[in-house]
Amino acid sequence: MSKLTIVANIVAKADQIELVKAELLKLIDITRAEEGCINYDLHQDNDNPAHFTFYENWASRELWQTHMANQHLADYMAATEGAVDTFTLNEMTQIA
């Protein structure tokens, strides 16, 4: 198994920043306790407060996929439906 890095970018709609931020923050503790989670760090852009980035490292892609299927992510998706402008996710491998 090789480690997997995830970079997820979430851009909230301008009038939904606080809602999206609050829902993202709810994911932190429960995700950090999941099997295979090495780190799960949320960032907010200094110049664009609507832009959030998760920087995550997982012990394997399989354990990350288990995370993605968890109920707390489904709850986040339901709570933020219509509040997110764009979402991009990159699966990455550290090379140096």
C-alpha atoms as a PDB file:
ATOM      1  CA  MET A   1       0.000   0.000   0.000  1.00  0.00           C
ATOM      2  CA  SER A   2       1.303   3.451  -0.854  1.00  0.00           C
ATOM      3  CA  LYS A   3       0.381   6.680   0.827  1.00  0.00           C
ATOM      4  CA  LEU A   4      -2.164   8.902  -0.929  1.00  0.00           C
ATOM      5  CA  THR A   5      -2.276  12.697  -0.763  1.00  0.00           C
ATOM      6  CA  ILE A   6      -5.553  14.481  -1.425  1.00  0.00           C
ATOM      7  CA  VAL A   7      -5.874  18.168  -2.236  1.00  0.00           C
ATOM      8  CA  ALA A   8      -9.507  19.244  -2.255  1.00  0.00           C
ATOM      9  CA  ASN A   9     -10.539  22.784  -3.175  1.00  0.00           C
ATOM     10  CA  ILE A  10     -13.961  24.028  -2.182  1.00  0.00           C
ATOM     11  CA  VAL A  11     -15.200  27.467  -3.218  1.00  0.00           C
ATOM     12  CA  ALA A  12     -18.328  28.568  -1.416  1.00  0.00           C
ATOM     13  CA  LYS A  13     -20.868  30.921  -2.914  1.00  0.00           C
ATOM     14  CA  ALA A  14     -20.239  34.445  -1.606  1.00  0.00           C
ATOM     15  CA  ASP A  15     -23.332  34.474   0.593  1.00  0.00           C
ATOM     16  CA  GLN A  16     -22.708  30.951   1.950  1.00  0.00           C
ATOM     17  CA  ILE A  17     -19.120  31.201   3.245  1.00  0.00           C
ATOM     18  CA  GLU A  18     -19.958  30.834   6.933  1.00  0.00           C
ATOM     19  CA  LEU A  19     -22.303  27.892   6.345  1.00  0.00           C
ATOM     20  CA  VAL A  20     -19.739  26.015   4.267  1.00  0.00           C
ATOM     21  CA  LYS A  21     -16.954  26.794   6.756  1.00  0.00           C
ATOM     22  CA  ALA A  22     -19.038  25.545   9.693  1.00  0.00           C
ATOM     23  CA  GLU A  23     -19.892  22.321   7.855  1.00  0.00           C
ATOM     24  CA  LEU A  24     -16.270  21.736   6.828  1.00  0.00           C
ATOM     25  CA  LEU A  25     -15.114  22.216  10.413  1.00  0.00           C
ATOM     26  CA  LYS A  26     -17.551  19.506  11.536  1.00  0.00           C
ATOM     27  CA  LEU A  27     -15.607  17.001   9.408  1.00  0.00           C
ATOM     28  CA  ILE A  28     -12.242  17.521  11.120  1.00  0.00           C
ATOM     29  CA  ASP A  29     -12.349  15.542  14.370  1.00  0.00           C
ATOM     30  CA  ILE A  30     -14.358  12.603  13.052  1.00  0.00           C
ATOM     31  CA  THR A  31     -12.127  12.248   9.983  1.00  0.00           C
ATOM     32  CA  ARG A  32      -8.873  12.551  11.913  1.00  0.00           C
ATOM     33  CA  ALA A  33     -10.026   9.593  14.030  1.00  0.00           C
ATOM     34  CA  GLU A  34     -10.610   7.373  10.975  1.00  0.00           C
ATOM     35  CA  GLU A  35      -8.367   4.440  10.198  1.00  0.00           C
ATOM     36  CA  GLY A  36      -5.655   5.433   7.753  1.00  0.00           C
ATOM     37  CA  CYS A  37      -5.917   9.197   8.235  1.00  0.00           C
ATOM     38  CA  ILE A  38      -2.416  10.612   8.616  1.00  0.00           C
ATOM     39  CA  ASN A  39      -3.454  14.258   8.478  1.00  0.00           C
ATOM     40  CA  TYR A  40      -6.575  16.172   7.490  1.00  0.00           C
ATOM     41  CA  ASP A  41      -5.877  19.890   7.443  1.00  0.00           C
ATOM     42  CA  LEU A  42      -8.321  22.611   6.426  1.00  0.00           C
ATOM     43  CA  HIS A  43      -7.094  25.948   5.083  1.00  0.00           C
ATOM     44  CA  GLN A  44      -8.906  29.170   4.148  1.00  0.00           C
ATOM     45  CA  ASP A  45      -7.457  31.511   1.524  1.00  0.00           C
ATOM     46  CA  ASN A  46      -6.205  34.802   2.978  1.00  0.00           C
ATOM     47  CA  ASP A  47      -7.367  36.832  -0.020  1.00  0.00           C
ATOM     48  CA  ASN A  48     -10.541  34.933  -0.900  1.00  0.00           C
ATOM     49  CA  PRO A  49     -12.397  33.741   2.214  1.00  0.00           C
ATOM     50  CA  ALA A  50     -14.773  31.693   0.047  1.00  0.00           C
ATOM     51  CA  HIS A  51     -11.906  29.371  -0.966  1.00  0.00           C
ATOM     52  CA  PHE A  52     -11.138  26.426   1.316  1.00  0.00           C
ATOM     53  CA  THR A  53      -8.522  23.720   0.792  1.00  0.00           C
ATOM     54  CA  PHE A  54      -8.202  20.360   2.486  1.00  0.00           C
ATOM     55  CA  TYR A  55      -4.704  18.899   2.476  1.00  0.00           C
ATOM     56  CA  GLU A  56      -4.967  15.244   3.437  1.00  0.00           C
ATOM     57  CA  ASN A  57      -2.683  12.244   3.656  1.00  0.00           C
ATOM     58  CA  TRP A  58      -3.998   8.707   3.865  1.00  0.00           C
ATOM     59  CA  ALA A  59      -2.220   5.421   4.471  1.00  0.00           C
ATOM     60  CA  SER A  60      -3.784   4.010   1.281  1.00  0.00           C
ATOM     61  CA  ARG A  61      -6.293   4.826  -1.444  1.00  0.00           C
ATOM     62  CA  GLU A  62      -8.555   2.090  -0.120  1.00  0.00           C
ATOM     63  CA  LEU A  63      -8.768   3.702   3.323  1.00  0.00           C
ATOM     64  CA  TRP A  64      -9.442   7.095   1.719  1.00  0.00           C
ATOM     65  CA  GLN A  65     -12.250   5.539  -0.321  1.00  0.00           C
ATOM     66  CA  THR A  66     -13.736   4.154   2.895  1.00  0.00           C
ATOM     67  CA  HIS A  67     -13.619   7.702   4.285  1.00  0.00           C
ATOM     68  CA  MET A  68     -15.380   9.044   1.196  1.00  0.00           C
ATOM     69  CA  ALA A  69     -18.260   6.603   1.715  1.00  0.00           C
ATOM     70  CA  ASN A  70     -18.840   7.585   5.369  1.00  0.00           C
ATOM     71  CA  GLN A  71     -22.084   9.114   6.591  1.00  0.00           C
ATOM     72  CA  HIS A  72     -20.487  12.344   7.815  1.00  0.00           C
ATOM     73  CA  LEU A  73     -19.484  13.200   4.247  1.00  0.00           C
ATOM     74  CA  ALA A  74     -22.999  12.487   3.015  1.00  0.00           C
ATOM     75  CA  ASP A  75     -24.300  14.766   5.785  1.00  0.00           C
ATOM     76  CA  TYR A  76     -21.871  17.509   4.681  1.00  0.00           C
ATOM     77  CA  MET A  77     -23.013  17.178   1.066  1.00  0.00           C
ATOM     78  CA  ALA A  78     -26.664  17.474   2.100  1.00  0.00           C
ATOM     79  CA  ALA A  79     -26.015  20.454   4.386  1.00  0.00           C
ATOM     80  CA  THR A  80     -24.082  22.389   1.727  1.00  0.00           C
ATOM     81  CA  GLU A  81     -26.191  21.513  -1.310  1.00  0.00           C
ATOM     82  CA  GLY A  82     -26.435  24.653  -3.431  1.00  0.00           C
ATOM     83  CA  ALA A  83     -23.911  26.523  -1.245  1.00  0.00           C
ATOM     84  CA  VAL A  84     -20.714  25.462  -3.054  1.00  0.00           C
ATOM     85  CA  ASP A  85     -19.703  27.172  -6.280  1.00  0.00           C
ATOM     86  CA  THR A  86     -16.888  24.801  -7.287  1.00  0.00           C
ATOM     87  CA  PHE A  87     -15.252  21.661  -5.947  1.00  0.00           C
ATOM     88  CA  THR A  88     -12.091  20.046  -7.284  1.00  0.00           C
ATOM     89  CA  LEU A  89     -10.238  17.074  -5.887  1.00  0.00           C
ATOM     90  CA  ASN A  90      -6.775  15.840  -6.809  1.00  0.00           C
ATOM     91  CA  GLU A  91      -5.366  12.452  -5.854  1.00  0.00           C
ATOM     92  CA  MET A  92      -1.599  12.848  -5.641  1.00  0.00           C
ATOM     93  CA  THR A  93       1.535  10.840  -4.875  1.00  0.00           C
ATOM     94  CA  GLN A  94       4.521  12.411  -3.174  1.00  0.00           C
ATOM     95  CA  ILE A  95       7.583  12.023  -5.379  1.00  0.00           C
ATOM     96  CA  ALA A  96      10.232  13.872  -3.359  1.00  0.00           C
END
